[in-house]
PDB file of N, CA and C in Angstrom:
ATOM      1  N   MET A   1      10.365   7.056 -25.125  1.00  0.00           N
ATOM      2  CA  MET A   1       8.517   7.229 -25.087  1.00  0.00           C
ATOM      3  C   MET A   1       7.707   6.538 -23.500  1.00  0.00           C
ATOM      4  N   SER A   2       6.988   6.780 -23.574  1.00  0.00           N
ATOM      5  CA  SER A   2       6.013   6.516 -22.369  1.00  0.00           C
ATOM      6  C   SER A   2       4.438   5.119 -22.696  1.00  0.00           C
ATOM      7  N   PHE A   3       4.048   4.535 -22.015  1.00  0.00           N
ATOM      8  CA  PHE A   3       2.943   3.403 -22.615  1.00  0.00           C
ATOM      9  C   PHE A   3       1.904   4.006 -21.309  1.00  0.00           C
ATOM     10  N   SER A   4       0.978   3.999 -21.786  1.00  0.00           N
ATOM     11  CA  SER A   4      -0.072   4.923 -21.856  1.00  0.00           C
ATOM     12  C   SER A   4      -0.924   3.741 -21.291  1.00  0.00           C
ATOM     13  N   LEU A   5      -1.538   3.997 -19.739  1.00  0.00           N
ATOM     14  CA  LEU A   5      -2.634   3.103 -19.577  1.00  0.00           C
ATOM     15  C   LEU A   5      -4.034   3.388 -20.485  1.00  0.00           C
ATOM     16  N   PRO A   6      -4.071   1.693 -20.753  1.00  0.00           N
ATOM     17  CA  PRO A   6      -5.698   2.057 -21.745  1.00  0.00           C
ATOM     18  C   PRO A   6      -7.270   1.926 -20.907  1.00  0.00           C
ATOM     19  N   ALA A   7      -7.927   3.150 -21.019  1.00  0.00           N
ATOM     20  CA  ALA A   7      -8.546   3.449 -19.722  1.00  0.00           C
ATOM     21  C   ALA A   7      -9.926   2.411 -20.611  1.00  0.00           C
ATOM     22  N   PHE A   8     -10.124   1.682 -20.668  1.00  0.00           N
ATOM     23  CA  PHE A   8     -11.309   0.886 -20.980  1.00  0.00           C
ATOM     24  C   PHE A   8     -11.153  -0.652 -21.027  1.00  0.00           C
ATOM     25  N   SER A   9     -12.258  -1.584 -21.200  1.00  0.00           N
ATOM     26  CA  SER A   9     -12.237  -3.203 -20.781  1.00  0.00           C
ATOM     27  C   SER A   9     -11.771  -3.435 -21.966  1.00  0.00           C
ATOM     28  N   SER A  10     -10.814  -4.474 -21.265  1.00  0.00           N
ATOM     29  CA  SER A  10     -10.278  -5.166 -21.926  1.00  0.00           C
ATOM     30  C   SER A  10     -10.605  -7.403 -21.854  1.00  0.00           C
ATOM     31  N   MET A  11      -9.917  -8.155 -23.211  1.00  0.00           N
ATOM     32  CA  MET A  11      -9.825  -9.719 -23.063  1.00  0.00           C
ATOM     33  C   MET A  11      -8.492  -9.501 -23.812  1.00  0.00           C
ATOM     34  N   HIS A  12      -7.736 -10.892 -22.632  1.00  0.00           N
ATOM     35  CA  HIS A  12      -7.213 -11.423 -22.812  1.00  0.00           C
ATOM     36  C   HIS A  12      -6.746 -12.359 -23.936  1.00  0.00           C
ATOM     37  N   GLN A  13      -6.104 -12.841 -24.333  1.00  0.00           N
ATOM     38  CA  GLN A  13      -5.397 -14.561 -23.955  1.00  0.00           C
ATOM     39  C   GLN A  13      -3.948 -14.551 -23.656  1.00  0.00           C
ATOM     40  N   ILE A  14      -3.818 -15.002 -22.347  1.00  0.00           N
ATOM     41  CA  ILE A  14      -1.743 -14.987 -22.521  1.00  0.00           C
ATOM     42  C   ILE A  14      -1.808 -16.821 -21.602  1.00  0.00           C
ATOM     43  N   LEU A  15      -0.996 -17.262 -22.808  1.00  0.00           N
ATOM     44  CA  LEU A  15      -0.252 -17.961 -21.869  1.00  0.00           C
ATOM     45  C   LEU A  15      -1.605 -19.427 -21.773  1.00  0.00           C
ATOM     46  N   GLY A  16      -2.643 -19.645 -22.179  1.00  0.00           N
ATOM     47  CA  GLY A  16      -3.569 -20.471 -21.848  1.00  0.00           C
ATOM     48  C   GLY A  16      -4.471 -19.880 -21.002  1.00  0.00           C
ATOM     49  N   HIS A  17      -4.633 -18.716 -20.841  1.00  0.00           N
ATOM     50  CA  HIS A  17      -5.550 -18.144 -19.322  1.00  0.00           C
ATOM     51  C   HIS A  17      -6.283 -17.368 -20.478  1.00  0.00           C
ATOM     52  N   THR A  18      -8.038 -16.647 -19.761  1.00  0.00           N
ATOM     53  CA  THR A  18      -8.348 -15.578 -19.997  1.00  0.00           C
ATOM     54  C   THR A  18      -8.460 -14.044 -18.728  1.00  0.00           C
ATOM     55  N   ILE A  19      -7.889 -13.282 -19.566  1.00  0.00           N
ATOM     56  CA  ILE A  19      -7.970 -12.337 -18.212  1.00  0.00           C
ATOM     57  C   ILE A  19      -8.400 -11.229 -18.669  1.00  0.00           C
ATOM     58  N   GLU A  20      -9.253 -11.174 -17.841  1.00  0.00           N
ATOM     59  CA  GLU A  20     -10.314  -9.518 -18.670  1.00  0.00           C
ATOM     60  C   GLU A  20     -10.026  -8.306 -17.531  1.00  0.00           C
ATOM     61  N   ASP A  21      -9.666  -7.622 -17.790  1.00  0.00           N
ATOM     62  CA  ASP A  21      -9.737  -6.604 -16.908  1.00  0.00           C
ATOM     63  C   ASP A  21     -10.419  -5.031 -17.369  1.00  0.00           C
ATOM     64  N   SER A  22     -10.946  -4.542 -16.455  1.00  0.00           N
ATOM     65  CA  SER A  22     -11.899  -3.668 -16.136  1.00  0.00           C
ATOM     66  C   SER A  22     -11.559  -2.188 -15.960  1.00  0.00           C
ATOM     67  N   ALA A  23     -11.217  -1.502 -16.470  1.00  0.00           N
ATOM     68  CA  ALA A  23     -10.304   0.441 -16.398  1.00  0.00           C
ATOM     69  C   ALA A  23     -11.568   0.524 -15.421  1.00  0.00           C
ATOM     70  N   ASP A  24     -12.849   0.954 -15.810  1.00  0.00           N
ATOM     71  CA  ASP A  24     -13.939   1.353 -14.810  1.00  0.00           C
ATOM     72  C   ASP A  24     -13.521   1.306 -13.401  1.00  0.00           C
ATOM     73  N   LYS A  25     -14.156   0.020 -13.050  1.00  0.00           N
ATOM     74  CA  LYS A  25     -13.969  -1.018 -12.281  1.00  0.00           C
ATOM     75  C   LYS A  25     -12.598  -1.608 -11.395  1.00  0.00           C
ATOM     76  N   HIS A  26     -11.295  -1.069 -11.810  1.00  0.00           N
ATOM     77  CA  HIS A  26      -9.730  -1.584 -11.581  1.00  0.00           C
ATOM     78  C   HIS A  26      -9.928  -2.414 -11.215  1.00  0.00           C
ATOM     79  N   THR A  27     -10.706  -3.435 -11.899  1.00  0.00           N
ATOM     80  CA  THR A  27     -10.742  -5.428 -11.785  1.00  0.00           C
ATOM     81  C   THR A  27     -10.234  -6.385 -12.954  1.00  0.00           C
ATOM     82  N   ILE A  28      -9.496  -7.097 -11.789  1.00  0.00           N
ATOM     83  CA  ILE A  28      -9.129  -8.037 -13.345  1.00  0.00           C
ATOM     84  C   ILE A  28      -9.612  -9.385 -12.858  1.00  0.00           C
ATOM     85  N   THR A  29     -10.210 -10.114 -13.809  1.00  0.00           N
ATOM     86  CA  THR A  29     -10.200 -11.806 -13.700  1.00  0.00           C
ATOM     87  C   THR A  29      -9.238 -12.918 -14.444  1.00  0.00           C
ATOM     88  N   ILE A  30      -8.769 -13.343 -13.790  1.00  0.00           N
ATOM     89  CA  ILE A  30      -8.190 -14.838 -14.953  1.00  0.00           C
ATOM     90  C   ILE A  30      -9.028 -15.885 -14.629  1.00  0.00           C
ATOM     91  N   ASP A  31      -9.821 -16.181 -15.993  1.00  0.00           N
ATOM     92  CA  ASP A  31     -10.375 -17.679 -16.117  1.00  0.00           C
ATOM     93  C   ASP A  31     -11.547 -17.736 -15.303  1.00  0.00           C
ATOM     94  N   GLY A  32     -11.750 -16.175 -15.363  1.00  0.00           N
ATOM     95  CA  GLY A  32     -13.529 -16.192 -14.767  1.00  0.00           C
ATOM     96  C   GLY A  32     -13.334 -15.953 -13.127  1.00  0.00           C
ATOM     97  N   ARG A  33     -12.562 -15.631 -12.494  1.00  0.00           N
ATOM     98  CA  ARG A  33     -12.586 -16.087 -11.296  1.00  0.00           C
ATOM     99  C   ARG A  33     -11.687 -14.126 -11.143  1.00  0.00           C
ATOM    100  N   PHE A  34     -12.708 -14.027 -10.272  1.00  0.00           N
ATOM    101  CA  PHE A  34     -11.588 -12.414  -9.379  1.00  0.00           C
ATOM    102  C   PHE A  34     -11.099 -12.314  -8.920  1.00  0.00           C
ATOM    103  N   VAL A  35      -9.388 -11.479  -9.288  1.00  0.00           N
ATOM    104  CA  VAL A  35      -8.035 -11.737  -7.826  1.00  0.00           C
ATOM    105  C   VAL A  35      -8.153 -10.309  -7.831  1.00  0.00           C
ATOM    106  N   ASN A  36      -8.193 -10.290  -6.981  1.00  0.00           N
ATOM    107  CA  ASN A  36      -7.692  -8.825  -5.836  1.00  0.00           C
ATOM    108  C   ASN A  36      -6.493  -8.264  -5.818  1.00  0.00           C
ATOM    109  N   PHE A  37      -6.286  -6.324  -7.029  1.00  0.00           N
ATOM    110  CA  PHE A  37      -5.314  -6.294  -6.553  1.00  0.00           C
ATOM    111  C   PHE A  37      -5.223  -4.426  -6.035  1.00  0.00           C
ATOM    112  N   SER A  38      -4.456  -4.244  -5.489  1.00  0.00           N
ATOM    113  CA  SER A  38      -4.321  -2.658  -5.020  1.00  0.00           C
ATOM    114  C   SER A  38      -4.308  -2.142  -6.743  1.00  0.00           C
ATOM    115  N   ARG A  39      -4.658  -0.412  -6.305  1.00  0.00           N
ATOM    116  CA  ARG A  39      -4.311   0.187  -7.825  1.00  0.00           C
ATOM    117  C   ARG A  39      -3.514   0.275  -7.900  1.00  0.00           C
ATOM    118  N   THR A  40      -2.514   0.376  -7.363  1.00  0.00           N
ATOM    119  CA  THR A  40      -0.739   0.315  -7.800  1.00  0.00           C
ATOM    120  C   THR A  40      -1.081  -1.484  -8.476  1.00  0.00           C
ATOM    121  N   GLU A  41      -0.475  -2.495  -8.084  1.00  0.00           N
ATOM    122  CA  GLU A  41      -0.899  -3.238  -8.422  1.00  0.00           C
ATOM    123  C   GLU A  41      -1.449  -3.871  -9.759  1.00  0.00           C
ATOM    124  N   TYR A  42      -2.897  -2.367  -9.640  1.00  0.00           N
ATOM    125  CA  TYR A  42      -3.338  -2.772 -10.695  1.00  0.00           C
ATOM    126  C   TYR A  42      -3.197  -2.760 -12.326  1.00  0.00           C
ATOM    127  N   GLN A  43      -2.743  -0.870 -12.441  1.00  0.00           N
ATOM    128  CA  GLN A  43      -1.572  -0.545 -12.874  1.00  0.00           C
ATOM    129  C   GLN A  43      -0.738  -1.584 -13.543  1.00  0.00           C
ATOM    130  N   LEU A  44       0.538  -2.046 -12.789  1.00  0.00           N
ATOM    131  CA  LEU A  44       1.462  -2.706 -13.167  1.00  0.00           C
ATOM    132  C   LEU A  44       0.840  -4.152 -13.992  1.00  0.00           C
ATOM    133  N   MET A  45       0.059  -4.211 -13.679  1.00  0.00           N
ATOM    134  CA  MET A  45      -0.594  -6.014 -14.049  1.00  0.00           C
ATOM    135  C   MET A  45      -0.955  -5.683 -15.229  1.00  0.00           C
ATOM    136  N   ILE A  46      -1.918  -3.727 -15.878  1.00  0.00           N
ATOM    137  CA  ILE A  46      -2.222  -3.231 -17.368  1.00  0.00           C
ATOM    138  C   ILE A  46      -0.718  -3.301 -18.077  1.00  0.00           C
ATOM    139  N   LEU A  47       0.222  -3.148 -17.445  1.00  0.00           N
ATOM    140  CA  LEU A  47       0.837  -3.140 -18.062  1.00  0.00           C
ATOM    141  C   LEU A  47       1.644  -3.754 -18.734  1.00  0.00           C
ATOM    142  N   LEU A  48       1.739  -5.307 -17.715  1.00  0.00           N
ATOM    143  CA  LEU A  48       2.016  -6.557 -17.884  1.00  0.00           C
ATOM    144  C   LEU A  48       0.801  -7.738 -19.165  1.00  0.00           C
ATOM    145  N   LEU A  49      -0.247  -7.017 -19.098  1.00  0.00           N
ATOM    146  CA  LEU A  49      -1.321  -7.900 -19.991  1.00  0.00           C
ATOM    147  C   LEU A  49      -1.399  -6.808 -21.253  1.00  0.00           C
ATOM    148  N   HIS A  50      -0.499  -5.296 -21.371  1.00  0.00           N
ATOM    149  CA  HIS A  50      -0.796  -5.341 -22.584  1.00  0.00           C
ATOM    150  C   HIS A  50       0.290  -5.070 -23.353  1.00  0.00           C
ATOM    151  N   VAL A  51       2.069  -6.097 -22.324  1.00  0.00           N
ATOM    152  CA  VAL A  51       3.131  -6.133 -23.304  1.00  0.00           C
ATOM    153  C   VAL A  51       3.099  -5.930 -24.321  1.00  0.00           C
ATOM    154  N   GLU A  52       2.850  -7.722 -24.557  1.00  0.00           N
ATOM    155  CA  GLU A  52       2.701  -8.969 -25.547  1.00  0.00           C
ATOM    156  C   GLU A  52       2.169  -7.782 -27.295  1.00  0.00           C
ATOM    157  N   GLN A  53       1.150  -6.561 -26.843  1.00  0.00           N
ATOM    158  CA  GLN A  53       1.191  -5.701 -27.902  1.00  0.00           C
ATOM    159  C   GLN A  53       1.699  -5.416 -28.431  1.00  0.00           C
ATOM    160  N   SER A  54       2.755  -4.747 -28.067  1.00  0.00           N
ATOM    161  CA  SER A  54       3.450  -3.964 -28.649  1.00  0.00           C
ATOM    162  C   SER A  54       5.475  -4.365 -28.480  1.00  0.00           C
ATOM    163  N   LYS A  55       5.941  -5.232 -26.832  1.00  0.00           N
ATOM    164  CA  LYS A  55       6.650  -5.412 -27.238  1.00  0.00           C
ATOM    165  C   LYS A  55       7.120  -6.260 -26.136  1.00  0.00           C
ATOM    166  N   PRO A  56       7.889  -7.150 -25.775  1.00  0.00           N
ATOM    167  CA  PRO A  56       7.744  -8.396 -25.135  1.00  0.00           C
ATOM    168  C   PRO A  56       8.268  -7.453 -23.660  1.00  0.00           C
ATOM    169  N   PHE A  57       8.457  -6.260 -23.149  1.00  0.00           N
ATOM    170  CA  PHE A  57       8.675  -6.569 -21.628  1.00  0.00           C
ATOM    171  C   PHE A  57       8.007  -5.404 -21.368  1.00  0.00           C
ATOM    172  N   VAL A  58       8.011  -4.747 -20.209  1.00  0.00           N
ATOM    173  CA  VAL A  58       7.429  -3.290 -20.011  1.00  0.00           C
ATOM    174  C   VAL A  58       8.810  -2.420 -19.900  1.00  0.00           C
ATOM    175  N   LEU A  59       9.205  -1.471 -20.402  1.00  0.00           N
ATOM    176  CA  LEU A  59      10.087  -0.883 -19.139  1.00  0.00           C
ATOM    177  C   LEU A  59      10.342  -0.156 -18.050  1.00  0.00           C
ATOM    178  N   PHE A  60      11.073   0.090 -17.568  1.00  0.00           N
ATOM    179  CA  PHE A  60      11.119   0.244 -16.112  1.00  0.00           C
ATOM    180  C   PHE A  60      10.815   1.478 -15.905  1.00  0.00           C
ATOM    181  N   ALA A  61      10.956   2.661 -16.906  1.00  0.00           N
ATOM    182  CA  ALA A  61      10.753   3.588 -16.970  1.00  0.00           C
ATOM    183  C   ALA A  61       9.187   3.720 -16.884  1.00  0.00           C
ATOM    184  N   ASP A  62       8.333   2.768 -18.049  1.00  0.00           N
ATOM    185  CA  ASP A  62       7.023   2.989 -17.491  1.00  0.00           C
ATOM    186  C   ASP A  62       6.238   2.363 -16.638  1.00  0.00           C
ATOM    187  N   LEU A  63       7.176   0.899 -15.883  1.00  0.00           N
ATOM    188  CA  LEU A  63       6.461   0.616 -14.549  1.00  0.00           C
ATOM    189  C   LEU A  63       6.642   1.786 -13.453  1.00  0.00           C
ATOM    190  N   ARG A  64       7.244   3.328 -13.787  1.00  0.00           N
ATOM    191  CA  ARG A  64       7.422   4.204 -12.526  1.00  0.00           C
ATOM    192  C   ARG A  64       6.254   5.238 -12.877  1.00  0.00           C
ATOM    193  N   GLN A  65       5.456   4.833 -13.746  1.00  0.00           N
ATOM    194  CA  GLN A  65       4.281   5.658 -13.876  1.00  0.00           C
ATOM    195  C   GLN A  65       3.276   5.222 -12.535  1.00  0.00           C
ATOM    196  N   CYS A  66       2.851   4.649 -12.554  1.00  0.00           N
ATOM    197  CA  CYS A  66       2.426   3.768 -11.618  1.00  0.00           C
ATOM    198  C   CYS A  66       1.660   3.833  -9.985  1.00  0.00           C
ATOM    199  N   PHE A  67       3.025   4.210  -9.856  1.00  0.00           N
ATOM    200  CA  PHE A  67       3.260   5.294  -8.490  1.00  0.00           C
ATOM    201  C   PHE A  67       3.026   6.446  -8.736  1.00  0.00           C
ATOM    202  N   ARG A  68       1.987   7.151  -7.928  1.00  0.00           N
ATOM    203  CA  ARG A  68       1.519   8.103  -6.957  1.00  0.00           C
ATOM    204  C   ARG A  68       2.625   9.472  -7.106  1.00  0.00           C
ATOM    205  N   GLN A  69       3.822   9.370  -6.297  1.00  0.00           N
ATOM    206  CA  GLN A  69       4.727   9.494  -5.819  1.00  0.00           C
ATOM    207  C   GLN A  69       6.906   9.252  -6.298  1.00  0.00           C
ATOM    208  N   PRO A  70       6.565   8.288  -7.390  1.00  0.00           N
ATOM    209  CA  PRO A  70       7.842   7.322  -7.063  1.00  0.00           C
ATOM    210  C   PRO A  70       9.184   7.480  -5.891  1.00  0.00           C
ATOM    211  N   PRO A  71       9.430   6.956  -5.203  1.00  0.00           N
ATOM    212  CA  PRO A  71      10.011   6.962  -4.106  1.00  0.00           C
ATOM    213  C   PRO A  71      11.442   7.001  -4.682  1.00  0.00           C
ATOM    214  N   ASP A  72      12.927   7.285  -3.903  1.00  0.00           N
ATOM    215  CA  ASP A  72      14.088   7.142  -4.256  1.00  0.00           C
ATOM    216  C   ASP A  72      14.183   6.145  -4.601  1.00  0.00           C
ATOM    217  N   ASN A  73      13.747   4.875  -3.509  1.00  0.00           N
ATOM    218  CA  ASN A  73      14.029   3.995  -3.645  1.00  0.00           C
ATOM    219  C   ASN A  73      12.934   3.320  -4.999  1.00  0.00           C
ATOM    220  N   LEU A  74      12.551   3.089  -5.581  1.00  0.00           N
ATOM    221  CA  LEU A  74      11.944   2.729  -6.585  1.00  0.00           C
ATOM    222  C   LEU A  74      11.886   1.300  -6.659  1.00  0.00           C
ATOM    223  N   ARG A  75      12.685   1.353  -7.102  1.00  0.00           N
ATOM    224  CA  ARG A  75      13.109  -0.450  -7.413  1.00  0.00           C
ATOM    225  C   ARG A  75      12.845  -1.308  -6.469  1.00  0.00           C
ATOM    226  N   CYS A  76      13.080  -1.233  -5.207  1.00  0.00           N
ATOM    227  CA  CYS A  76      13.309  -1.887  -4.326  1.00  0.00           C
ATOM    228  C   CYS A  76      11.313  -2.226  -4.602  1.00  0.00           C
ATOM    229  N   LEU A  77      11.057  -0.636  -4.023  1.00  0.00           N
ATOM    230  CA  LEU A  77       9.355  -1.109  -3.681  1.00  0.00           C
ATOM    231  C   LEU A  77       8.929  -1.699  -5.330  1.00  0.00           C
ATOM    232  N   LEU A  78       9.288  -1.836  -6.509  1.00  0.00           N
ATOM    233  CA  LEU A  78       9.084  -2.224  -7.364  1.00  0.00           C
ATOM    234  C   LEU A  78       8.389  -3.621  -7.254  1.00  0.00           C
ATOM    235  N   SER A  79      10.085  -3.873  -7.067  1.00  0.00           N
ATOM    236  CA  SER A  79       9.734  -5.819  -6.138  1.00  0.00           C
ATOM    237  C   SER A  79       9.189  -6.246  -5.250  1.00  0.00           C
ATOM    238  N   ARG A  80       9.228  -5.149  -4.928  1.00  0.00           N
ATOM    239  CA  ARG A  80       8.136  -5.849  -3.081  1.00  0.00           C
ATOM    240  C   ARG A  80       6.239  -5.729  -3.803  1.00  0.00           C
ATOM    241  N   ARG A  81       6.534  -4.360  -4.737  1.00  0.00           N
ATOM    242  CA  ARG A  81       4.538  -4.692  -4.831  1.00  0.00           C
ATOM    243  C   ARG A  81       4.773  -5.892  -6.192  1.00  0.00           C
ATOM    244  N   MET A  82       6.097  -6.221  -7.158  1.00  0.00           N
ATOM    245  CA  MET A  82       5.722  -7.805  -8.084  1.00  0.00           C
ATOM    246  C   MET A  82       5.957  -8.787  -7.590  1.00  0.00           C
ATOM    247  N   ASN A  83       6.265  -8.386  -6.213  1.00  0.00           N
ATOM    248  CA  ASN A  83       6.526 -10.191  -5.119  1.00  0.00           C
ATOM    249  C   ASN A  83       4.960 -10.613  -5.017  1.00  0.00           C
ATOM    250  N   TYR A  84       4.046  -9.272  -4.694  1.00  0.00           N
ATOM    251  CA  TYR A  84       2.920  -8.836  -3.854  1.00  0.00           C
ATOM    252  C   TYR A  84       2.002  -9.857  -4.918  1.00  0.00           C
ATOM    253  N   ILE A  85       1.683  -9.388  -6.077  1.00  0.00           N
ATOM    254  CA  ILE A  85       1.512 -10.030  -7.661  1.00  0.00           C
ATOM    255  C   ILE A  85       1.372 -11.111  -7.720  1.00  0.00           C
ATOM    256  N   ARG A  86       2.696 -11.390  -7.975  1.00  0.00           N
ATOM    257  CA  ARG A  86       3.418 -13.159  -7.996  1.00  0.00           C
ATOM    258  C   ARG A  86       3.173 -14.343  -7.019  1.00  0.00           C
ATOM    259  N   GLU A  87       2.281 -13.527  -6.121  1.00  0.00           N
ATOM    260  CA  GLU A  87       1.912 -14.383  -5.142  1.00  0.00           C
ATOM    261  C   GLU A  87       0.281 -14.747  -5.477  1.00  0.00           C
ATOM    262  N   LYS A  88      -0.114 -13.636  -6.569  1.00  0.00           N
ATOM    263  CA  LYS A  88      -1.773 -13.927  -6.748  1.00  0.00           C
ATOM    264  C   LYS A  88      -2.022 -14.029  -7.965  1.00  0.00           C
ATOM    265  N   LEU A  89      -0.090 -14.481  -8.508  1.00  0.00           N
ATOM    266  CA  LEU A  89      -0.632 -15.136  -9.801  1.00  0.00           C
ATOM    267  C   LEU A  89      -0.279 -17.045  -9.819  1.00  0.00           C
ATOM    268  N   TRP A  90       0.513 -17.125  -9.277  1.00  0.00           N
ATOM    269  CA  TRP A  90       0.836 -18.575  -8.841  1.00  0.00           C
ATOM    270  C   TRP A  90      -0.243 -19.660  -8.959  1.00  0.00           C
ATOM    271  N   PRO A  91      -1.403 -19.196  -8.540  1.00  0.00           N
ATOM    272  CA  PRO A  91      -2.431 -20.117  -7.941  1.00  0.00           C
ATOM    273  C   PRO A  91      -2.937 -20.433  -9.960  1.00  0.00           C
ATOM    274  N   PHE A  92      -2.962 -19.740 -10.590  1.00  0.00           N
ATOM    275  CA  PHE A  92      -2.422 -19.832 -12.434  1.00  0.00           C
ATOM    276  C   PHE A  92      -2.000 -20.492 -13.039  1.00  0.00           C
ATOM    277  N   GLU A  93      -0.881 -20.582 -12.246  1.00  0.00           N
ATOM    278  CA  GLU A  93       0.478 -20.774 -13.042  1.00  0.00           C
ATOM    279  C   GLU A  93       1.536 -19.413 -13.980  1.00  0.00           C
ATOM    280  N   LEU A  94       1.098 -18.536 -13.307  1.00  0.00           N
ATOM    281  CA  LEU A  94       1.214 -16.939 -13.840  1.00  0.00           C
ATOM    282  C   LEU A  94       2.637 -16.598 -13.194  1.00  0.00           C
ATOM    283  N   ASP A  95       3.579 -16.406 -13.292  1.00  0.00           N
ATOM    284  CA  ASP A  95       4.661 -15.951 -12.899  1.00  0.00           C
ATOM    285  C   ASP A  95       5.728 -14.636 -13.776  1.00  0.00           C
ATOM    286  N   ILE A  96       5.721 -13.697 -13.083  1.00  0.00           N
ATOM    287  CA  ILE A  96       6.574 -12.283 -13.618  1.00  0.00           C
ATOM    288  C   ILE A  96       8.220 -12.068 -13.496  1.00  0.00           C
ATOM    289  N   VAL A  97       8.420 -11.793 -14.876  1.00  0.00           N
ATOM    290  CA  VAL A  97      10.261 -12.672 -14.651  1.00  0.00           C
ATOM    291  C   VAL A  97      10.647 -11.184 -14.609  1.00  0.00           C
ATOM    292  N   ASN A  98      11.726 -10.594 -13.895  1.00  0.00           N
ATOM    293  CA  ASN A  98      12.912 -10.142 -14.275  1.00  0.00           C
ATOM    294  C   ASN A  98      13.568  -9.546 -14.627  1.00  0.00           C
ATOM    295  N   VAL A  99      13.986  -8.948 -15.688  1.00  0.00           N
ATOM    296  CA  VAL A  99      15.222  -8.995 -16.370  1.00  0.00           C
ATOM    297  C   VAL A  99      16.125  -8.196 -15.456  1.00  0.00           C
ATOM    298  N   ARG A 100      16.342  -8.190 -14.754  1.00  0.00           N
ATOM    299  CA  ARG A 100      17.891  -7.253 -13.470  1.00  0.00           C
ATOM    300  C   ARG A 100      18.420  -6.385 -14.596  1.00  0.00           C
ATOM    301  N   ASP A 101      19.152  -7.055 -15.421  1.00  0.00           N
ATOM    302  CA  ASP A 101      20.333  -5.588 -15.612  1.00  0.00           C
ATOM    303  C   ASP A 101      19.378  -4.993 -16.846  1.00  0.00           C
ATOM    304  N   GLN A 102      18.386  -5.705 -16.991  1.00  0.00           N
ATOM    305  CA  GLN A 102      17.606  -3.986 -17.991  1.00  0.00           C
ATOM    306  C   GLN A 102      16.552  -2.852 -16.996  1.00  0.00           C
ATOM    307  N   GLY A 103      16.234  -4.499 -16.706  1.00  0.00           N
ATOM    308  CA  GLY A 103      14.778  -3.461 -15.422  1.00  0.00           C
ATOM    309  C   GLY A 103      13.672  -3.647 -15.679  1.00  0.00           C
ATOM    310  N   TYR A 104      13.381  -5.014 -16.649  1.00  0.00           N
ATOM    311  CA  TYR A 104      12.005  -4.961 -17.363  1.00  0.00           C
ATOM    312  C   TYR A 104      11.134  -6.118 -16.205  1.00  0.00           C
ATOM    313  N   TYR A 105      10.105  -5.891 -17.289  1.00  0.00           N
ATOM    314  CA  TYR A 105       9.216  -7.080 -17.001  1.00  0.00           C
ATOM    315  C   TYR A 105       8.615  -7.498 -17.568  1.00  0.00           C
ATOM    316  N   THR A 106       7.993  -9.213 -17.633  1.00  0.00           N
ATOM    317  CA  THR A 106       7.032  -9.718 -18.252  1.00  0.00           C
ATOM    318  C   THR A 106       6.280 -11.189 -17.651  1.00  0.00           C
ATOM    319  N   LEU A 107       5.271 -11.510 -18.667  1.00  0.00           N
ATOM    320  CA  LEU A 107       4.482 -12.209 -17.476  1.00  0.00           C
ATOM    321  C   LEU A 107       5.395 -13.811 -18.027  1.00  0.00           C
ATOM    322  N   ILE A 108       5.064 -14.777 -17.561  1.00  0.00           N
ATOM    323  CA  ILE A 108       5.696 -16.016 -17.939  1.00  0.00           C
ATOM    324  C   ILE A 108       4.442 -17.089 -17.278  1.00  0.00           C
ATOM    325  N   HIS A 109       4.800 -17.945 -18.410  1.00  0.00           N
ATOM    326  CA  HIS A 109       3.869 -19.820 -17.917  1.00  0.00           C
ATOM    327  C   HIS A 109       4.878 -20.874 -16.686  1.00  0.00           C
ATOM    328  N   LYS A 110       4.811 -20.541 -15.621  1.00  0.00           N
ATOM    329  CA  LYS A 110       5.504 -21.202 -14.721  1.00  0.00           C
ATOM    330  C   LYS A 110       4.563 -22.730 -13.693  1.00  0.00           C
ATOM    331  N   PRO A 111       4.815 -23.659 -14.795  1.00  0.00           N
ATOM    332  CA  PRO A 111       4.091 -24.898 -13.675  1.00  0.00           C
ATOM    333  C   PRO A 111       4.541 -24.873 -12.840  1.00  0.00           C
ATOM    334  N   MET A 112       3.354 -25.754 -12.217  1.00  0.00           N
ATOM    335  CA  MET A 112       3.202 -25.881 -10.628  1.00  0.00           C
ATOM    336  C   MET A 112       4.446 -27.344  -9.937  1.00  0.00           C
TER     337      MET A 112
END
């Protein structure tokens, strides 16, 4: 089963933060502050934002759809992209957990 990226703007209350995404502008704001993401990072974030609505984790197969042409080393590339996203989330005390044996990711609260 594949998870489809939503094509609309939405607001999320996640872990005490207000996170808004705008699909037409490919932008995300956290607590009213604009956070700059690449196209791929934006798509990965959208999957993470919508994970609480459907299941506790994003399947590795669903994360794969965020890359135009997934390379042979997809797990390595995905890990690198998630690390870039993590750095942008840390000022908000948010982080991403990788459940390595299953290949899933989810947002968590990470106190500073």
